[in-house]
């Protein structure tokens, strides 16, 4: 399962907020929370550092953009990397 979530707290009015607040990350990560909800899945965090413009148009003059792929299962990370590199854009 590819997890592209971010623990951004949108519960307060964005117009009065001076900085982004998070609802996870001080004692555990959102990736850990997702893994707890899907205990038998191989959860791999990916795309959560990519903005919407790059997500919609990842091809740049230098080539495709990089993305961070995280988790403690090397096989699952290799599978996600394979999926990402196998698609022609």
N, C-alpha and C. Protein backbone atom coordinates (compact mmCIF):
# COMPACT_ATOMS: atom_id res chain seq x y z
N UNK A 1 0.84 -1.15 0.00
CA UNK A 1 0.00 0.00 0.00
C UNK A 1 0.90 1.23 0.00
N UNK A 2 0.68 2.12 -0.94
CA UNK A 2 1.46 3.36 -1.00
C UNK A 2 0.74 4.43 -0.18
N UNK A 3 1.41 4.93 0.83
CA UNK A 3 0.84 5.93 1.74
C UNK A 3 1.43 7.30 1.40
N UNK A 4 0.60 8.19 0.91
CA UNK A 4 1.03 9.54 0.55
C UNK A 4 0.47 10.59 1.50
N UNK A 5 0.05 10.16 2.68
CA UNK A 5 -0.59 11.07 3.62
C UNK A 5 0.42 11.95 4.34
N UNK A 6 -0.07 13.05 4.88
CA UNK A 6 0.69 13.94 5.75
C UNK A 6 -0.19 14.29 6.94
N UNK A 7 0.37 14.37 8.15
CA UNK A 7 -0.44 14.61 9.34
C UNK A 7 -0.75 16.08 9.58
N UNK A 8 -1.20 16.77 8.56
CA UNK A 8 -1.50 18.20 8.69
C UNK A 8 -2.87 18.37 9.34
N UNK A 9 -2.94 19.23 10.33
CA UNK A 9 -4.16 19.49 11.08
C UNK A 9 -4.92 20.66 10.44
N UNK A 10 -6.06 20.36 9.84
CA UNK A 10 -6.89 21.40 9.22
C UNK A 10 -8.11 21.73 10.07
N UNK A 11 -8.06 21.40 11.36
CA UNK A 11 -9.23 21.63 12.21
C UNK A 11 -9.45 23.10 12.55
N UNK A 12 -8.41 23.91 12.43
CA UNK A 12 -8.53 25.34 12.73
C UNK A 12 -8.67 26.11 11.43
N UNK A 13 -9.23 27.28 11.51
CA UNK A 13 -9.41 28.14 10.34
C UNK A 13 -8.04 28.50 9.77
N UNK A 14 -7.79 28.13 8.54
CA UNK A 14 -6.49 28.35 7.90
C UNK A 14 -6.15 29.84 7.80
N UNK A 15 -7.17 30.71 7.77
CA UNK A 15 -6.91 32.15 7.64
C UNK A 15 -6.29 32.75 8.89
N UNK A 16 -6.52 32.13 10.05
CA UNK A 16 -5.97 32.67 11.29
C UNK A 16 -4.75 31.89 11.78
N UNK A 17 -4.43 30.82 11.11
CA UNK A 17 -3.29 30.00 11.50
C UNK A 17 -2.01 30.62 10.94
N UNK A 18 -1.00 30.74 11.78
CA UNK A 18 0.26 31.32 11.32
C UNK A 18 1.26 30.26 10.90
N UNK A 19 1.07 29.03 11.32
CA UNK A 19 1.96 27.95 10.90
C UNK A 19 1.17 26.65 10.81
N UNK A 20 1.70 25.74 10.07
CA UNK A 20 1.05 24.44 9.92
C UNK A 20 1.23 23.64 11.19
N UNK A 21 0.16 23.05 11.66
CA UNK A 21 0.28 22.17 12.82
C UNK A 21 0.02 20.73 12.38
N UNK A 22 0.59 19.81 13.14
CA UNK A 22 0.49 18.40 12.82
C UNK A 22 -0.26 17.67 13.92
N UNK A 23 -0.98 16.61 13.55
CA UNK A 23 -1.68 15.83 14.56
C UNK A 23 -0.94 14.54 14.90
N UNK A 24 0.19 14.28 14.27
CA UNK A 24 1.02 13.11 14.58
C UNK A 24 2.48 13.50 14.39
N UNK A 25 3.36 12.73 14.96
CA UNK A 25 4.77 12.94 14.72
C UNK A 25 5.61 13.20 15.95
N UNK A 26 5.01 13.51 17.07
CA UNK A 26 5.83 13.77 18.26
C UNK A 26 6.18 12.47 18.99
N UNK A 27 5.29 11.50 18.97
CA UNK A 27 5.58 10.21 19.62
C UNK A 27 5.52 9.05 18.64
N UNK A 28 4.83 9.24 17.52
CA UNK A 28 4.82 8.23 16.45
C UNK A 28 4.52 8.94 15.14
N UNK A 29 4.77 8.27 14.05
CA UNK A 29 4.56 8.89 12.75
C UNK A 29 3.18 8.52 12.21
N UNK A 30 2.73 9.28 11.23
CA UNK A 30 1.47 8.93 10.58
C UNK A 30 1.62 7.60 9.84
N UNK A 31 2.81 7.34 9.32
CA UNK A 31 3.06 6.05 8.68
C UNK A 31 2.85 4.90 9.66
N UNK A 32 3.28 5.07 10.91
CA UNK A 32 3.05 4.05 11.93
C UNK A 32 1.56 3.88 12.21
N UNK A 33 0.83 4.98 12.22
CA UNK A 33 -0.62 4.90 12.45
C UNK A 33 -1.32 4.17 11.31
N UNK A 34 -0.92 4.46 10.08
CA UNK A 34 -1.50 3.77 8.93
C UNK A 34 -1.18 2.27 9.02
N UNK A 35 0.07 1.93 9.38
CA UNK A 35 0.45 0.53 9.52
C UNK A 35 -0.39 -0.17 10.57
N UNK A 36 -0.70 0.50 11.67
CA UNK A 36 -1.55 -0.08 12.72
C UNK A 36 -2.96 -0.35 12.21
N UNK A 37 -3.45 0.52 11.33
CA UNK A 37 -4.79 0.32 10.76
C UNK A 37 -4.81 -0.83 9.75
N UNK A 38 -3.66 -1.10 9.13
CA UNK A 38 -3.54 -2.16 8.12
C UNK A 38 -2.39 -3.09 8.52
N UNK A 39 -2.55 -3.84 9.60
CA UNK A 39 -1.43 -4.57 10.17
C UNK A 39 -0.80 -5.63 9.26
N UNK A 40 -1.54 -6.18 8.32
CA UNK A 40 -0.96 -7.21 7.45
C UNK A 40 -0.44 -6.64 6.14
N UNK A 41 -0.65 -5.35 5.90
CA UNK A 41 -0.20 -4.72 4.65
C UNK A 41 1.26 -4.32 4.75
N UNK A 42 1.89 -4.25 3.61
CA UNK A 42 3.23 -3.67 3.52
C UNK A 42 3.03 -2.20 3.12
N UNK A 43 3.09 -1.31 4.08
CA UNK A 43 2.84 0.10 3.87
C UNK A 43 4.16 0.80 3.54
N UNK A 44 4.19 1.50 2.41
CA UNK A 44 5.37 2.23 1.99
C UNK A 44 4.98 3.69 1.81
N UNK A 45 5.69 4.58 2.49
CA UNK A 45 5.41 6.02 2.36
C UNK A 45 6.11 6.56 1.13
N UNK A 46 5.34 7.27 0.33
CA UNK A 46 5.87 7.81 -0.91
C UNK A 46 4.97 8.95 -1.37
N UNK A 47 5.50 9.91 -2.07
CA UNK A 47 4.78 11.06 -2.63
C UNK A 47 4.39 12.12 -1.61
N UNK A 48 4.59 11.90 -0.33
CA UNK A 48 4.13 12.88 0.64
C UNK A 48 5.02 14.11 0.70
N UNK A 49 6.11 14.13 -0.06
CA UNK A 49 6.95 15.33 -0.14
C UNK A 49 6.86 15.99 -1.51
N UNK A 50 5.94 15.53 -2.34
CA UNK A 50 5.80 16.03 -3.71
C UNK A 50 4.59 16.95 -3.77
N UNK A 51 4.77 18.16 -4.32
CA UNK A 51 3.62 19.08 -4.41
C UNK A 51 2.70 18.67 -5.56
N UNK A 52 1.52 19.25 -5.60
CA UNK A 52 0.52 18.85 -6.59
C UNK A 52 0.96 19.13 -8.02
N UNK A 53 1.71 20.18 -8.25
CA UNK A 53 2.15 20.49 -9.62
C UNK A 53 3.12 19.42 -10.12
N UNK A 54 4.04 18.99 -9.28
CA UNK A 54 4.97 17.94 -9.68
C UNK A 54 4.26 16.60 -9.80
N UNK A 55 3.28 16.35 -8.95
CA UNK A 55 2.51 15.11 -9.02
C UNK A 55 1.77 15.02 -10.35
N UNK A 56 1.21 16.13 -10.81
CA UNK A 56 0.46 16.15 -12.06
C UNK A 56 1.37 16.16 -13.29
N UNK A 57 2.57 16.71 -13.16
CA UNK A 57 3.48 16.80 -14.29
C UNK A 57 4.91 16.52 -13.80
N UNK A 58 5.24 15.22 -13.58
CA UNK A 58 6.54 14.90 -12.98
C UNK A 58 7.72 15.01 -13.94
N UNK A 59 7.46 15.18 -15.23
CA UNK A 59 8.56 15.27 -16.19
C UNK A 59 9.09 16.70 -16.22
N UNK A 60 10.36 16.85 -15.92
CA UNK A 60 11.01 18.16 -15.90
C UNK A 60 12.11 18.16 -16.94
N UNK A 61 12.68 19.31 -17.22
CA UNK A 61 13.72 19.37 -18.25
C UNK A 61 14.93 18.51 -17.87
N UNK A 62 15.15 18.31 -16.58
CA UNK A 62 16.26 17.46 -16.12
C UNK A 62 15.88 15.99 -16.10
N UNK A 63 14.62 15.67 -16.36
CA UNK A 63 14.14 14.29 -16.27
C UNK A 63 13.01 14.20 -15.27
N UNK A 64 12.73 13.02 -14.78
CA UNK A 64 11.67 12.84 -13.80
C UNK A 64 12.15 13.31 -12.43
N UNK A 65 11.22 13.79 -11.63
CA UNK A 65 11.58 14.24 -10.29
C UNK A 65 11.83 13.04 -9.37
N UNK A 66 12.61 13.27 -8.33
CA UNK A 66 12.88 12.24 -7.33
C UNK A 66 11.78 12.27 -6.28
N UNK A 67 11.62 11.16 -5.59
CA UNK A 67 10.71 11.12 -4.46
C UNK A 67 11.32 10.23 -3.39
N UNK A 68 10.96 10.48 -2.16
CA UNK A 68 11.44 9.69 -1.04
C UNK A 68 10.53 8.48 -0.88
N UNK A 69 11.13 7.30 -0.71
CA UNK A 69 10.39 6.06 -0.48
C UNK A 69 10.86 5.51 0.86
N UNK A 70 9.94 5.39 1.82
CA UNK A 70 10.32 5.01 3.19
C UNK A 70 9.52 3.81 3.69
N UNK A 71 10.17 2.96 4.40
CA UNK A 71 9.61 1.92 5.24
C UNK A 71 10.71 0.95 5.58
N UNK A 72 10.43 0.04 6.49
CA UNK A 72 11.46 -0.88 6.94
C UNK A 72 11.41 -2.23 6.20
N UNK A 73 10.72 -2.30 5.08
CA UNK A 73 10.66 -3.53 4.30
C UNK A 73 11.29 -3.26 2.94
N UNK A 74 12.50 -3.76 2.75
CA UNK A 74 13.25 -3.49 1.51
C UNK A 74 12.52 -4.01 0.28
N UNK A 75 11.90 -5.18 0.39
CA UNK A 75 11.18 -5.75 -0.75
C UNK A 75 10.02 -4.86 -1.17
N UNK A 76 9.28 -4.34 -0.21
CA UNK A 76 8.15 -3.46 -0.51
C UNK A 76 8.63 -2.16 -1.14
N UNK A 77 9.74 -1.62 -0.63
CA UNK A 77 10.29 -0.39 -1.22
C UNK A 77 10.76 -0.62 -2.65
N UNK A 78 11.39 -1.77 -2.90
CA UNK A 78 11.82 -2.08 -4.28
C UNK A 78 10.63 -2.21 -5.21
N UNK A 79 9.53 -2.81 -4.72
CA UNK A 79 8.33 -2.97 -5.53
C UNK A 79 7.75 -1.61 -5.90
N UNK A 80 7.66 -0.69 -4.94
CA UNK A 80 7.15 0.65 -5.21
C UNK A 80 8.07 1.37 -6.21
N UNK A 81 9.38 1.26 -6.01
CA UNK A 81 10.32 1.89 -6.94
C UNK A 81 10.15 1.32 -8.34
N UNK A 82 9.91 0.03 -8.44
CA UNK A 82 9.69 -0.60 -9.74
C UNK A 82 8.41 -0.08 -10.40
N UNK A 83 7.36 0.06 -9.62
CA UNK A 83 6.10 0.61 -10.15
C UNK A 83 6.33 2.02 -10.67
N UNK A 84 7.04 2.83 -9.89
CA UNK A 84 7.26 4.22 -10.28
C UNK A 84 8.10 4.35 -11.54
N UNK A 85 9.11 3.52 -11.68
CA UNK A 85 10.00 3.64 -12.83
C UNK A 85 9.50 2.89 -14.07
N UNK A 86 8.49 2.05 -13.91
CA UNK A 86 8.01 1.27 -15.06
C UNK A 86 6.97 2.01 -15.91
N UNK A 87 6.44 3.09 -15.41
CA UNK A 87 5.40 3.83 -16.14
C UNK A 87 6.00 4.93 -16.99
N UNK A 88 5.61 4.95 -18.24
CA UNK A 88 6.06 5.99 -19.15
C UNK A 88 5.16 7.19 -19.00
N UNK A 89 5.77 8.35 -18.90
CA UNK A 89 5.00 9.58 -18.72
C UNK A 89 5.08 10.40 -20.00
